[in-house]
Amino acid sequence: MILAKVALAAVVLSLAGCSAPLRTTTIVPGALPITSPAPGVPDPAPIGNVGWTQSLHDVRHTGTASVDGPTVAHVRWRRQLRGPLVPGPVVAPDGTIYAPTGAGQLHAIDPRTGDDRWVYDTGSGYGDDLTTSPGLLADGTIVWPGGGLKVYGVSPRGALLWTIQRHGTPLSPAVVSGDSFYLADSTGHLAAYRIGSTDPVLRWDLDLGDRSYGSPAVAPDGSIRATVDQQVVAVRDLGDRGEVIWQADTGDTVEVSAAVAADGTTLVGSNTSRLYALDESGHERWSIDLGSFPYSSPIADPRGRAWIGTNDGLLVSVDIASGRVLQRIDLSGTHDGRDGIWSSPVEDAAGRLYIGMLDGTVHSIASDGSLGLTVETGTQIFATGALTQDGAYIVGNEAGVLTAVG
């Protein structure tokens, strides 16, 4: 069902708000950026790879695909899966959609029909409200953060290859170099793995704090950004060990992932209701007041813009270089206050945005801020969607309904 009416206002502002600087601690002396990874350290996976192969599309969290998304509010198909779809889908280079569920199942789905190609069932559900997505290795292996504090390696044909036991709930992996990935978990640990002859080999494991809600992002120089407690932490991969470079304290809990722009700027939202931009040394470049705390992880698109959603239904765009607010798009007012944004925006090649709301509505937004399509999915959307190669937007809701718009 399509909503008959939605409140929408796009306001272009000329100046971003400022705040007191973040407290940044430099742990490792020496100038940044790191110009190249250390010997034996994987290079970050290329931006713009075919498919939506991991959380927020890629290791930098650009949230942007090289295909055009849908422009008409047409539902291609709907699937009722078991368990809430708090985890988000990804798309393989061959077009297969991998959709994990809170019931502990991983579905491999045909993008045209919505039919299962196979289902792998762990037999163990998980009900954590952390939004996670699988990642894909070069050989097609799905690195899936599932139940039982485990990460599952599943083949492209649905066979279990290996499992990894973690300290806490595993978050979305950041896949680099095809056979290597970084993995954070809810206890504040960050680890680096490389696939050996059969099973993953743990190269190092750092304890960065008490609690993490954010998946790691990888900067263009190969360093990693993790969010732990109130902090953003930068880590250098030295092959056999990880080394903390700096840590920046936002002053309140960070419940989202960071994103890294092409120039190395790190973007993160915190429960101070601010979006922060940090330079390559971890010092604040600018910050803006979002007006409400973000449960939506920011994206850093190739056009030099950051996008982030807020708990009161605003979608905010900021120029990364200057901190100038470009747009505040108000999507609230449709469902008695249950219209906040907890998922992250998705951007297509034409600059259109797609976003799922807590009221279960999917909106698209044109580059000028005007409302495009609107589609109802039925109930709350927590997970970030994904764009397929043939131009469909795939998103799941809390009731277990997976919808393809396109």
Foldseek 3Di string as FASTA:
>chain_A
DFDPDFDKDKDFFFDFDFDPKWDKDFDDDDDDDQQAAAPQAFAFDDPQDAWQFFACSAQQNQLEHAFAADQAFDFQDKDFDPAFQLEEWIADNVGWIWGAHQQQKTFTAHQRRRDGPDMAHPRHGHDDNQYAYWGAAPQGWTFAQGPPQKTFTAHPNGHTQDIDHDPARKHIWHDGPRFKIWIDHFQQKIWIWGQDPGRIDTLEIDRHEGGFREYWHAANRGWIWGFYFQKIWIWGDNRNYIDTGMITGPPGGFNYYWGAENQGWIWGFGQVQKIFTAHNNRITPGMHRNVAGFLEYWHQHNVQWIWGWHQQAWIWIARNVRRRTGITIHRDDDDPRQWGFNYYWHAYSQGKIWGATQAQKIWIAHNVGDTGGIDHPHGGFNYYWTATNVHWTWGTGRSRMIITGD
